[in-house]
N, C-alpha and C. Protein backbone atom coordinates (compact mmCIF):
# COMPACT_ATOMS: atom_id res chain seq x y z
N MET A 1 55.73 -44.12 19.65
CA MET A 1 54.61 -44.91 19.18
C MET A 1 53.39 -44.58 20.04
N LYS A 2 52.24 -44.43 19.39
CA LYS A 2 50.99 -44.15 20.08
C LYS A 2 50.20 -45.44 20.27
N LEU A 3 49.50 -45.53 21.38
CA LEU A 3 48.63 -46.66 21.68
C LEU A 3 47.22 -46.12 21.90
N ILE A 4 46.30 -46.58 21.07
CA ILE A 4 44.90 -46.17 21.16
C ILE A 4 44.08 -47.40 21.49
N ILE A 5 43.39 -47.36 22.62
CA ILE A 5 42.63 -48.50 23.10
C ILE A 5 41.15 -48.13 23.15
N GLY A 6 40.34 -48.92 22.49
CA GLY A 6 38.89 -48.78 22.62
C GLY A 6 38.42 -49.80 23.62
N LEU A 7 37.61 -49.37 24.60
CA LEU A 7 37.12 -50.32 25.59
C LEU A 7 35.79 -50.90 25.16
N GLY A 8 35.60 -52.17 25.52
CA GLY A 8 34.37 -52.88 25.20
C GLY A 8 34.46 -54.30 25.70
N ASN A 9 33.49 -55.09 25.33
CA ASN A 9 33.46 -56.51 25.67
C ASN A 9 33.56 -57.33 24.39
N PRO A 10 34.34 -58.42 24.42
CA PRO A 10 34.52 -59.23 23.21
C PRO A 10 33.29 -60.08 22.90
N GLY A 11 33.17 -60.44 21.64
CA GLY A 11 32.13 -61.37 21.22
C GLY A 11 30.97 -60.67 20.53
N SER A 12 30.33 -61.42 19.64
CA SER A 12 29.26 -60.85 18.82
C SER A 12 28.03 -60.44 19.63
N LYS A 13 27.81 -61.08 20.77
CA LYS A 13 26.61 -60.72 21.55
C LYS A 13 26.71 -59.32 22.15
N TYR A 14 27.92 -58.76 22.22
CA TYR A 14 28.11 -57.42 22.77
C TYR A 14 28.26 -56.34 21.71
N GLN A 15 28.30 -56.76 20.44
CA GLN A 15 28.42 -55.77 19.36
C GLN A 15 27.26 -54.79 19.44
N LYS A 16 27.56 -53.53 19.22
CA LYS A 16 26.55 -52.45 19.20
C LYS A 16 25.83 -52.30 20.53
N THR A 17 26.47 -52.75 21.63
CA THR A 17 25.93 -52.44 22.94
C THR A 17 26.54 -51.14 23.41
N ARG A 18 25.90 -50.50 24.37
CA ARG A 18 26.36 -49.19 24.85
C ARG A 18 27.78 -49.25 25.40
N HIS A 19 28.12 -50.35 26.05
CA HIS A 19 29.45 -50.47 26.66
C HIS A 19 30.54 -50.65 25.60
N ASN A 20 30.18 -50.90 24.35
CA ASN A 20 31.16 -51.18 23.30
C ASN A 20 31.41 -50.02 22.36
N VAL A 21 31.03 -48.82 22.75
CA VAL A 21 31.23 -47.68 21.86
C VAL A 21 32.72 -47.45 21.59
N GLY A 22 33.59 -47.80 22.53
CA GLY A 22 35.04 -47.70 22.30
C GLY A 22 35.48 -48.60 21.15
N PHE A 23 34.94 -49.82 21.10
CA PHE A 23 35.24 -50.74 20.00
C PHE A 23 34.72 -50.17 18.68
N MET A 24 33.54 -49.53 18.72
CA MET A 24 32.95 -48.97 17.51
C MET A 24 33.85 -47.89 16.90
N VAL A 25 34.47 -47.09 17.76
CA VAL A 25 35.39 -46.05 17.28
C VAL A 25 36.62 -46.70 16.65
N ILE A 26 37.20 -47.68 17.32
CA ILE A 26 38.37 -48.37 16.76
C ILE A 26 38.01 -48.99 15.41
N ASP A 27 36.83 -49.58 15.31
CA ASP A 27 36.40 -50.17 14.04
C ASP A 27 36.33 -49.13 12.92
N GLU A 28 35.90 -47.92 13.26
CA GLU A 28 35.84 -46.85 12.25
C GLU A 28 37.24 -46.44 11.81
N VAL A 29 38.18 -46.34 12.74
CA VAL A 29 39.56 -45.99 12.38
C VAL A 29 40.15 -47.09 11.50
N LEU A 30 39.91 -48.34 11.86
CA LEU A 30 40.40 -49.47 11.06
C LEU A 30 39.84 -49.40 9.64
N ARG A 31 38.55 -49.11 9.53
CA ARG A 31 37.90 -49.01 8.21
C ARG A 31 38.56 -47.92 7.39
N ARG A 32 38.75 -46.75 8.00
CA ARG A 32 39.34 -45.61 7.27
C ARG A 32 40.75 -45.91 6.78
N LEU A 33 41.53 -46.57 7.61
CA LEU A 33 42.94 -46.80 7.28
C LEU A 33 43.18 -48.12 6.55
N GLY A 34 42.11 -48.90 6.33
CA GLY A 34 42.25 -50.17 5.62
C GLY A 34 43.03 -51.20 6.41
N LEU A 35 42.89 -51.18 7.74
CA LEU A 35 43.59 -52.12 8.60
C LEU A 35 42.62 -53.13 9.19
N GLN A 36 43.17 -54.23 9.67
CA GLN A 36 42.37 -55.23 10.38
C GLN A 36 43.08 -55.59 11.67
N VAL A 37 42.26 -55.82 12.71
CA VAL A 37 42.85 -56.29 13.97
C VAL A 37 43.03 -57.79 13.90
N LYS A 38 44.02 -58.26 14.65
CA LYS A 38 44.28 -59.69 14.76
C LYS A 38 44.48 -59.99 16.25
N PHE A 39 43.88 -61.06 16.71
CA PHE A 39 44.03 -61.42 18.12
C PHE A 39 45.47 -61.83 18.38
N ASP A 40 46.05 -61.25 19.42
CA ASP A 40 47.40 -61.60 19.84
C ASP A 40 47.34 -62.07 21.29
N PRO A 41 47.53 -63.39 21.53
CA PRO A 41 47.37 -63.91 22.88
C PRO A 41 48.34 -63.33 23.91
N LYS A 42 49.51 -62.84 23.47
CA LYS A 42 50.45 -62.30 24.46
C LYS A 42 49.94 -60.99 25.05
N PHE A 43 49.01 -60.32 24.36
CA PHE A 43 48.41 -59.09 24.87
C PHE A 43 46.98 -59.31 25.36
N ASN A 44 46.40 -60.45 25.02
CA ASN A 44 45.00 -60.72 25.29
C ASN A 44 44.15 -59.58 24.70
N ALA A 45 44.44 -59.26 23.44
CA ALA A 45 43.75 -58.18 22.75
C ALA A 45 43.82 -58.40 21.25
N GLU A 46 42.88 -57.79 20.57
CA GLU A 46 42.95 -57.68 19.12
C GLU A 46 43.73 -56.41 18.83
N VAL A 47 44.76 -56.52 18.00
CA VAL A 47 45.63 -55.37 17.75
C VAL A 47 45.87 -55.18 16.25
N ALA A 48 46.13 -53.94 15.90
CA ALA A 48 46.56 -53.59 14.54
C ALA A 48 47.66 -52.56 14.69
N LEU A 49 48.77 -52.81 14.00
CA LEU A 49 49.87 -51.85 13.97
C LEU A 49 49.79 -51.10 12.66
N GLY A 50 50.07 -49.80 12.73
CA GLY A 50 49.98 -49.01 11.52
C GLY A 50 50.98 -47.88 11.49
N LEU A 51 50.96 -47.19 10.37
CA LEU A 51 51.87 -46.07 10.12
C LEU A 51 51.08 -45.01 9.36
N VAL A 52 51.09 -43.78 9.88
CA VAL A 52 50.47 -42.65 9.19
C VAL A 52 51.50 -41.54 9.13
N SER A 53 51.86 -41.12 7.93
CA SER A 53 52.86 -40.06 7.73
C SER A 53 54.11 -40.31 8.57
N GLY A 54 54.56 -41.54 8.58
CA GLY A 54 55.78 -41.90 9.30
C GLY A 54 55.61 -42.10 10.80
N LYS A 55 54.39 -41.94 11.31
CA LYS A 55 54.12 -42.09 12.75
C LYS A 55 53.53 -43.47 13.03
N LYS A 56 54.20 -44.22 13.91
CA LYS A 56 53.74 -45.56 14.27
C LYS A 56 52.65 -45.49 15.33
N PHE A 57 51.71 -46.44 15.23
CA PHE A 57 50.65 -46.51 16.22
C PHE A 57 50.13 -47.94 16.34
N ILE A 58 49.45 -48.18 17.45
CA ILE A 58 48.77 -49.46 17.70
C ILE A 58 47.33 -49.14 18.04
N LEU A 59 46.41 -49.82 17.40
CA LEU A 59 45.00 -49.80 17.77
C LEU A 59 44.71 -51.11 18.49
N ALA A 60 44.01 -51.03 19.61
CA ALA A 60 43.77 -52.24 20.38
C ALA A 60 42.34 -52.30 20.91
N LYS A 61 41.82 -53.53 20.90
CA LYS A 61 40.53 -53.85 21.50
C LYS A 61 40.79 -55.01 22.47
N PRO A 62 40.85 -54.71 23.78
CA PRO A 62 41.12 -55.79 24.74
C PRO A 62 40.12 -56.93 24.61
N SER A 63 40.62 -58.15 24.70
CA SER A 63 39.75 -59.34 24.61
C SER A 63 39.34 -59.84 25.99
N THR A 64 39.82 -59.15 27.01
CA THR A 64 39.32 -59.41 28.35
C THR A 64 37.96 -58.75 28.41
N TYR A 65 37.20 -59.05 29.41
CA TYR A 65 35.97 -58.28 29.57
C TYR A 65 36.32 -56.92 30.13
N MET A 66 35.36 -56.01 30.05
CA MET A 66 35.58 -54.60 30.40
C MET A 66 36.34 -54.42 31.71
N ASN A 67 35.95 -55.15 32.73
CA ASN A 67 36.52 -54.96 34.07
C ASN A 67 37.99 -55.32 34.16
N LEU A 68 38.55 -55.97 33.14
CA LEU A 68 39.96 -56.36 33.15
C LEU A 68 40.74 -55.69 32.00
N SER A 69 40.21 -54.62 31.47
CA SER A 69 40.81 -53.94 30.32
C SER A 69 42.27 -53.55 30.54
N GLY A 70 42.61 -53.21 31.77
CA GLY A 70 43.96 -52.75 32.07
C GLY A 70 45.03 -53.79 31.81
N GLU A 71 44.67 -55.07 31.85
CA GLU A 71 45.67 -56.12 31.60
C GLU A 71 46.27 -55.98 30.21
N ALA A 72 45.43 -55.78 29.22
CA ALA A 72 45.92 -55.63 27.84
C ALA A 72 46.70 -54.32 27.70
N VAL A 73 46.21 -53.26 28.31
CA VAL A 73 46.89 -51.97 28.23
C VAL A 73 48.31 -52.08 28.80
N LEU A 74 48.44 -52.66 29.96
CA LEU A 74 49.74 -52.80 30.62
C LEU A 74 50.69 -53.66 29.79
N LYS A 75 50.20 -54.77 29.26
CA LYS A 75 51.05 -55.65 28.45
C LYS A 75 51.54 -54.94 27.19
N LEU A 76 50.66 -54.21 26.51
CA LEU A 76 51.04 -53.48 25.31
C LEU A 76 52.05 -52.38 25.63
N MET A 77 51.82 -51.66 26.71
CA MET A 77 52.74 -50.60 27.13
C MET A 77 54.14 -51.14 27.37
N LYS A 78 54.20 -52.24 28.11
CA LYS A 78 55.51 -52.80 28.47
C LYS A 78 56.22 -53.37 27.24
N TYR A 79 55.51 -54.13 26.44
CA TYR A 79 56.12 -54.79 25.28
C TYR A 79 56.67 -53.77 24.30
N TYR A 80 55.90 -52.72 24.01
CA TYR A 80 56.30 -51.72 23.02
C TYR A 80 56.98 -50.50 23.65
N ASP A 81 57.18 -50.53 24.96
CA ASP A 81 57.83 -49.43 25.69
C ASP A 81 57.14 -48.10 25.37
N ILE A 82 55.84 -48.05 25.60
CA ILE A 82 55.04 -46.87 25.30
C ILE A 82 54.89 -46.03 26.57
N ASP A 83 55.15 -44.75 26.45
CA ASP A 83 54.99 -43.82 27.56
C ASP A 83 53.51 -43.53 27.81
N ILE A 84 53.20 -43.23 29.06
CA ILE A 84 51.81 -42.96 29.44
C ILE A 84 51.21 -41.80 28.65
N GLU A 85 52.04 -40.81 28.29
CA GLU A 85 51.50 -39.66 27.54
C GLU A 85 51.17 -40.01 26.09
N ASP A 86 51.54 -41.19 25.64
CA ASP A 86 51.24 -41.64 24.28
C ASP A 86 50.08 -42.63 24.24
N ILE A 87 49.29 -42.65 25.30
CA ILE A 87 48.13 -43.56 25.38
C ILE A 87 46.85 -42.75 25.32
N LEU A 88 45.90 -43.25 24.53
CA LEU A 88 44.56 -42.66 24.43
C LEU A 88 43.55 -43.79 24.59
N VAL A 89 42.62 -43.61 25.52
CA VAL A 89 41.59 -44.61 25.80
C VAL A 89 40.23 -44.04 25.38
N ILE A 90 39.48 -44.83 24.62
CA ILE A 90 38.14 -44.45 24.17
C ILE A 90 37.14 -45.25 25.00
N VAL A 91 36.20 -44.55 25.64
CA VAL A 91 35.35 -45.21 26.63
C VAL A 91 33.94 -44.60 26.61
N ASP A 92 32.95 -45.40 27.00
CA ASP A 92 31.58 -44.91 27.13
C ASP A 92 31.42 -44.18 28.46
N ASP A 93 30.42 -43.29 28.52
CA ASP A 93 30.17 -42.53 29.75
C ASP A 93 28.67 -42.34 29.96
N ILE A 94 28.16 -42.92 31.04
CA ILE A 94 26.72 -42.80 31.35
C ILE A 94 26.36 -41.43 31.90
N ASN A 95 27.34 -40.63 32.23
CA ASN A 95 27.08 -39.30 32.79
C ASN A 95 27.00 -38.21 31.73
N LEU A 96 27.11 -38.61 30.47
CA LEU A 96 26.99 -37.66 29.36
C LEU A 96 25.82 -38.09 28.47
N ALA A 97 25.15 -37.12 27.89
CA ALA A 97 24.06 -37.41 26.96
C ALA A 97 24.60 -38.22 25.78
N THR A 98 23.76 -39.05 25.21
CA THR A 98 24.16 -39.89 24.09
C THR A 98 24.77 -39.02 22.98
N GLY A 99 26.01 -39.40 22.62
CA GLY A 99 26.71 -38.71 21.54
C GLY A 99 27.58 -37.56 21.97
N LYS A 100 27.51 -37.14 23.21
CA LYS A 100 28.34 -36.03 23.70
C LYS A 100 29.77 -36.53 23.89
N LEU A 101 30.75 -35.75 23.42
CA LEU A 101 32.16 -36.10 23.61
C LEU A 101 32.74 -35.27 24.74
N ARG A 102 33.62 -35.89 25.51
CA ARG A 102 34.35 -35.18 26.54
C ARG A 102 35.78 -35.71 26.54
N LEU A 103 36.72 -34.88 26.16
CA LEU A 103 38.13 -35.26 26.11
C LEU A 103 38.83 -34.76 27.36
N ARG A 104 39.71 -35.58 27.91
CA ARG A 104 40.47 -35.23 29.11
C ARG A 104 41.90 -35.74 28.98
N GLU A 105 42.82 -35.03 29.61
CA GLU A 105 44.22 -35.47 29.64
C GLU A 105 44.50 -36.36 30.84
N THR A 106 43.67 -36.30 31.83
CA THR A 106 43.85 -37.07 33.05
C THR A 106 42.51 -37.12 33.76
N GLY A 107 42.46 -37.81 34.89
CA GLY A 107 41.22 -37.84 35.66
C GLY A 107 40.98 -39.19 36.27
N GLY A 108 39.92 -39.26 37.03
CA GLY A 108 39.55 -40.50 37.71
C GLY A 108 38.77 -41.42 36.80
N HIS A 109 38.22 -42.46 37.41
CA HIS A 109 37.48 -43.46 36.63
C HIS A 109 36.01 -43.11 36.47
N GLY A 110 35.49 -42.20 37.29
CA GLY A 110 34.09 -41.79 37.16
C GLY A 110 33.11 -42.94 37.31
N GLY A 111 33.51 -43.98 38.04
CA GLY A 111 32.64 -45.13 38.23
C GLY A 111 32.72 -46.17 37.12
N HIS A 112 33.53 -45.92 36.11
CA HIS A 112 33.66 -46.86 34.98
C HIS A 112 34.67 -47.94 35.33
N ASN A 113 34.24 -49.18 35.32
CA ASN A 113 35.10 -50.29 35.76
C ASN A 113 36.29 -50.54 34.84
N GLY A 114 36.15 -50.28 33.56
CA GLY A 114 37.29 -50.45 32.66
C GLY A 114 38.38 -49.44 32.98
N LEU A 115 37.99 -48.17 33.17
CA LEU A 115 38.97 -47.15 33.56
C LEU A 115 39.54 -47.44 34.94
N ARG A 116 38.69 -47.89 35.86
CA ARG A 116 39.14 -48.22 37.21
C ARG A 116 40.26 -49.27 37.15
N ASN A 117 40.09 -50.29 36.31
CA ASN A 117 41.09 -51.35 36.19
C ASN A 117 42.39 -50.82 35.56
N ILE A 118 42.27 -50.00 34.55
CA ILE A 118 43.46 -49.42 33.91
C ILE A 118 44.24 -48.58 34.93
N ILE A 119 43.53 -47.69 35.63
CA ILE A 119 44.16 -46.82 36.63
C ILE A 119 44.82 -47.67 37.72
N GLY A 120 44.13 -48.71 38.16
CA GLY A 120 44.68 -49.58 39.21
C GLY A 120 45.94 -50.30 38.79
N LEU A 121 45.99 -50.79 37.56
CA LEU A 121 47.17 -51.53 37.10
C LEU A 121 48.32 -50.61 36.69
N LEU A 122 48.02 -49.44 36.18
CA LEU A 122 49.07 -48.50 35.79
C LEU A 122 49.55 -47.67 36.98
N HIS A 123 48.76 -47.66 38.04
CA HIS A 123 49.06 -46.87 39.24
C HIS A 123 49.15 -45.38 38.93
N GLN A 124 48.40 -44.95 37.93
CA GLN A 124 48.30 -43.52 37.63
C GLN A 124 47.10 -43.25 36.74
N GLU A 125 46.70 -41.97 36.74
CA GLU A 125 45.52 -41.53 35.99
C GLU A 125 45.89 -40.63 34.82
N THR A 126 47.17 -40.50 34.54
CA THR A 126 47.63 -39.47 33.60
C THR A 126 47.70 -39.97 32.16
N PHE A 127 46.67 -40.67 31.73
CA PHE A 127 46.56 -41.04 30.32
C PHE A 127 45.37 -40.29 29.73
N LYS A 128 45.46 -40.03 28.44
CA LYS A 128 44.42 -39.27 27.76
C LYS A 128 43.21 -40.17 27.53
N ARG A 129 42.06 -39.53 27.47
CA ARG A 129 40.84 -40.31 27.24
C ARG A 129 39.82 -39.51 26.45
N VAL A 130 38.99 -40.25 25.73
CA VAL A 130 37.83 -39.70 25.05
C VAL A 130 36.64 -40.44 25.63
N ARG A 131 35.77 -39.67 26.27
CA ARG A 131 34.53 -40.24 26.83
C ARG A 131 33.40 -39.93 25.85
N ILE A 132 32.63 -40.95 25.52
CA ILE A 132 31.50 -40.78 24.61
C ILE A 132 30.23 -41.09 25.38
N GLY A 133 29.34 -40.10 25.41
CA GLY A 133 28.11 -40.24 26.17
C GLY A 133 27.19 -41.32 25.63
N ILE A 134 26.66 -42.09 26.59
CA ILE A 134 25.65 -43.12 26.24
C ILE A 134 24.37 -42.91 27.05
N ASP A 135 24.36 -41.82 27.86
CA ASP A 135 23.21 -41.49 28.70
C ASP A 135 23.02 -42.56 29.78
N ASN A 136 21.91 -42.53 30.44
CA ASN A 136 21.62 -43.48 31.51
C ASN A 136 20.11 -43.67 31.57
N ASN A 137 19.69 -44.76 32.12
CA ASN A 137 18.27 -45.04 32.34
C ASN A 137 18.11 -45.41 33.81
N PRO A 138 17.69 -44.45 34.64
CA PRO A 138 17.63 -44.69 36.08
C PRO A 138 16.64 -45.77 36.51
N VAL A 139 15.71 -46.15 35.64
CA VAL A 139 14.75 -47.19 36.03
C VAL A 139 15.22 -48.60 35.65
N MET A 140 16.37 -48.69 34.98
CA MET A 140 16.91 -49.98 34.56
C MET A 140 18.21 -50.24 35.33
N PRO A 141 18.45 -51.49 35.76
CA PRO A 141 19.74 -51.78 36.39
C PRO A 141 20.88 -51.40 35.45
N LEU A 142 21.92 -50.80 36.03
CA LEU A 142 23.02 -50.26 35.22
C LEU A 142 23.65 -51.31 34.30
N ASP A 143 23.90 -52.52 34.82
CA ASP A 143 24.54 -53.53 33.98
C ASP A 143 23.65 -53.91 32.80
N HIS A 144 22.34 -53.95 32.98
CA HIS A 144 21.44 -54.26 31.86
C HIS A 144 21.46 -53.12 30.84
N TYR A 145 21.51 -51.90 31.35
CA TYR A 145 21.51 -50.75 30.45
C TYR A 145 22.78 -50.71 29.59
N VAL A 146 23.95 -50.77 30.22
CA VAL A 146 25.20 -50.63 29.45
C VAL A 146 25.44 -51.82 28.54
N LEU A 147 24.89 -52.98 28.88
CA LEU A 147 25.04 -54.16 28.02
C LEU A 147 23.89 -54.31 27.03
N GLY A 148 22.98 -53.33 27.04
CA GLY A 148 21.87 -53.33 26.10
C GLY A 148 22.27 -52.75 24.76
N GLN A 149 21.54 -53.14 23.74
CA GLN A 149 21.79 -52.66 22.37
C GLN A 149 21.37 -51.21 22.22
N PHE A 150 22.11 -50.47 21.41
CA PHE A 150 21.69 -49.12 21.05
C PHE A 150 20.42 -49.19 20.21
N SER A 151 19.54 -48.24 20.39
CA SER A 151 18.38 -48.12 19.50
C SER A 151 18.85 -47.52 18.18
N GLU A 152 18.00 -47.56 17.17
CA GLU A 152 18.35 -46.95 15.88
C GLU A 152 18.58 -45.46 16.04
N ASP A 153 17.75 -44.79 16.83
CA ASP A 153 17.92 -43.35 17.07
C ASP A 153 19.25 -43.05 17.74
N GLU A 154 19.63 -43.89 18.72
CA GLU A 154 20.91 -43.69 19.40
C GLU A 154 22.08 -43.88 18.43
N LEU A 155 21.98 -44.88 17.57
CA LEU A 155 23.05 -45.11 16.59
C LEU A 155 23.20 -43.92 15.65
N ILE A 156 22.10 -43.30 15.29
CA ILE A 156 22.15 -42.11 14.44
C ILE A 156 22.85 -40.97 15.19
N LYS A 157 22.51 -40.80 16.47
CA LYS A 157 23.15 -39.75 17.30
C LYS A 157 24.64 -40.01 17.48
N LEU A 158 25.04 -41.27 17.45
CA LEU A 158 26.44 -41.62 17.67
C LEU A 158 27.31 -41.51 16.43
N ASN A 159 26.69 -41.44 15.26
CA ASN A 159 27.49 -41.43 14.04
C ASN A 159 28.50 -40.29 14.03
N GLN A 160 28.04 -39.05 14.28
CA GLN A 160 28.97 -37.91 14.23
C GLN A 160 30.05 -38.01 15.30
N PRO A 161 29.72 -38.32 16.56
CA PRO A 161 30.79 -38.45 17.57
C PRO A 161 31.79 -39.56 17.24
N ILE A 162 31.35 -40.63 16.62
CA ILE A 162 32.28 -41.70 16.22
C ILE A 162 33.20 -41.17 15.12
N GLN A 163 32.65 -40.42 14.17
CA GLN A 163 33.48 -39.82 13.11
C GLN A 163 34.47 -38.82 13.70
N PHE A 164 34.00 -37.96 14.61
CA PHE A 164 34.89 -37.00 15.27
C PHE A 164 35.99 -37.73 16.03
N SER A 165 35.62 -38.81 16.71
CA SER A 165 36.62 -39.57 17.49
C SER A 165 37.67 -40.17 16.57
N ALA A 166 37.25 -40.69 15.43
CA ALA A 166 38.22 -41.23 14.46
C ALA A 166 39.12 -40.11 13.94
N ASP A 167 38.55 -38.92 13.69
CA ASP A 167 39.35 -37.77 13.25
C ASP A 167 40.39 -37.41 14.30
N LEU A 168 39.96 -37.32 15.54
CA LEU A 168 40.89 -36.87 16.58
C LEU A 168 41.96 -37.92 16.88
N ILE A 169 41.64 -39.19 16.68
CA ILE A 169 42.66 -40.25 16.83
C ILE A 169 43.76 -40.06 15.80
N GLU A 170 43.37 -39.75 14.57
CA GLU A 170 44.38 -39.51 13.53
C GLU A 170 45.24 -38.30 13.89
N GLN A 171 44.64 -37.26 14.45
CA GLN A 171 45.41 -36.09 14.88
C GLN A 171 46.34 -36.45 16.04
N PHE A 172 45.87 -37.27 16.97
CA PHE A 172 46.69 -37.73 18.09
C PHE A 172 47.91 -38.50 17.58
N ILE A 173 47.69 -39.37 16.61
CA ILE A 173 48.79 -40.14 16.01
C ILE A 173 49.82 -39.20 15.38
N LEU A 174 49.34 -38.13 14.77
CA LEU A 174 50.21 -37.18 14.07
C LEU A 174 50.83 -36.14 15.00
N ASP A 175 50.70 -36.35 16.31
CA ASP A 175 51.32 -35.49 17.32
C ASP A 175 50.75 -34.09 17.40
N VAL A 176 49.50 -33.89 16.98
CA VAL A 176 48.84 -32.62 17.25
C VAL A 176 48.73 -32.52 18.77
N PRO A 177 49.09 -31.38 19.38
CA PRO A 177 48.99 -31.26 20.84
C PRO A 177 47.58 -31.60 21.34
N TYR A 178 47.51 -32.42 22.39
CA TYR A 178 46.20 -32.88 22.86
C TYR A 178 45.35 -31.72 23.35
N LYS A 179 45.96 -30.67 23.89
CA LYS A 179 45.18 -29.49 24.32
C LYS A 179 44.45 -28.89 23.12
N ASP A 180 45.09 -28.86 21.96
CA ASP A 180 44.45 -28.35 20.75
C ASP A 180 43.31 -29.26 20.31
N ILE A 181 43.54 -30.56 20.40
CA ILE A 181 42.49 -31.53 20.05
C ILE A 181 41.30 -31.36 20.99
N MET A 182 41.58 -31.22 22.29
CA MET A 182 40.50 -31.03 23.27
C MET A 182 39.72 -29.76 22.98
N THR A 183 40.43 -28.69 22.69
CA THR A 183 39.76 -27.42 22.41
C THR A 183 38.80 -27.55 21.23
N LYS A 184 39.24 -28.23 20.21
CA LYS A 184 38.42 -28.40 19.02
C LYS A 184 37.20 -29.30 19.28
N TYR A 185 37.42 -30.47 19.87
CA TYR A 185 36.35 -31.46 19.93
C TYR A 185 35.48 -31.36 21.17
N ASN A 186 35.97 -30.75 22.23
CA ASN A 186 35.08 -30.55 23.40
C ASN A 186 34.02 -29.51 23.12
N THR A 187 34.22 -28.68 22.12
CA THR A 187 33.23 -27.65 21.81
C THR A 187 32.32 -28.03 20.64
N GLN A 188 32.59 -29.15 19.99
CA GLN A 188 31.81 -29.51 18.79
C GLN A 188 30.57 -30.34 19.07
N THR A 189 30.52 -30.99 20.22
CA THR A 189 29.34 -31.85 20.46
C THR A 189 28.64 -31.42 21.73
């Protein structure tokens, strides 16, 4: 079973903020597959279970705030007995230009508190990730920037990377080797 987690902050006030691009990707996959997430208190996350060509998967949006994202990841992993190599995390990245995708099989947190919490609770960095660039504004405090709304131009720039991310999630579910997925999508944006 595959576990795909989009990172973000819960609640309508954070919708379409830069820090919630992971949720935006999960929402696109849900739309494509005709699924809906439902809050499950035992995971402290909104989850949807699905099946594509006989392959089981879970889509999750942690209901903790970003800095505690690992709690939901750990609970889902343990409950469903999911191996670390079957986890994919979708996350924003201020070190990439808006809309740039960067796929990795492992790595550090890069200063991202959601990844930092996941790594800390799992005690390892060997989970796959998709980083989606949101750029940075050096004259604005970082927390204000990442919790700020995307502009219309930024949303337009993000449309293709969100579509690509939804495509690659489907390939991940279908057991396409992640190295092949990385080769394809790291060169497209």
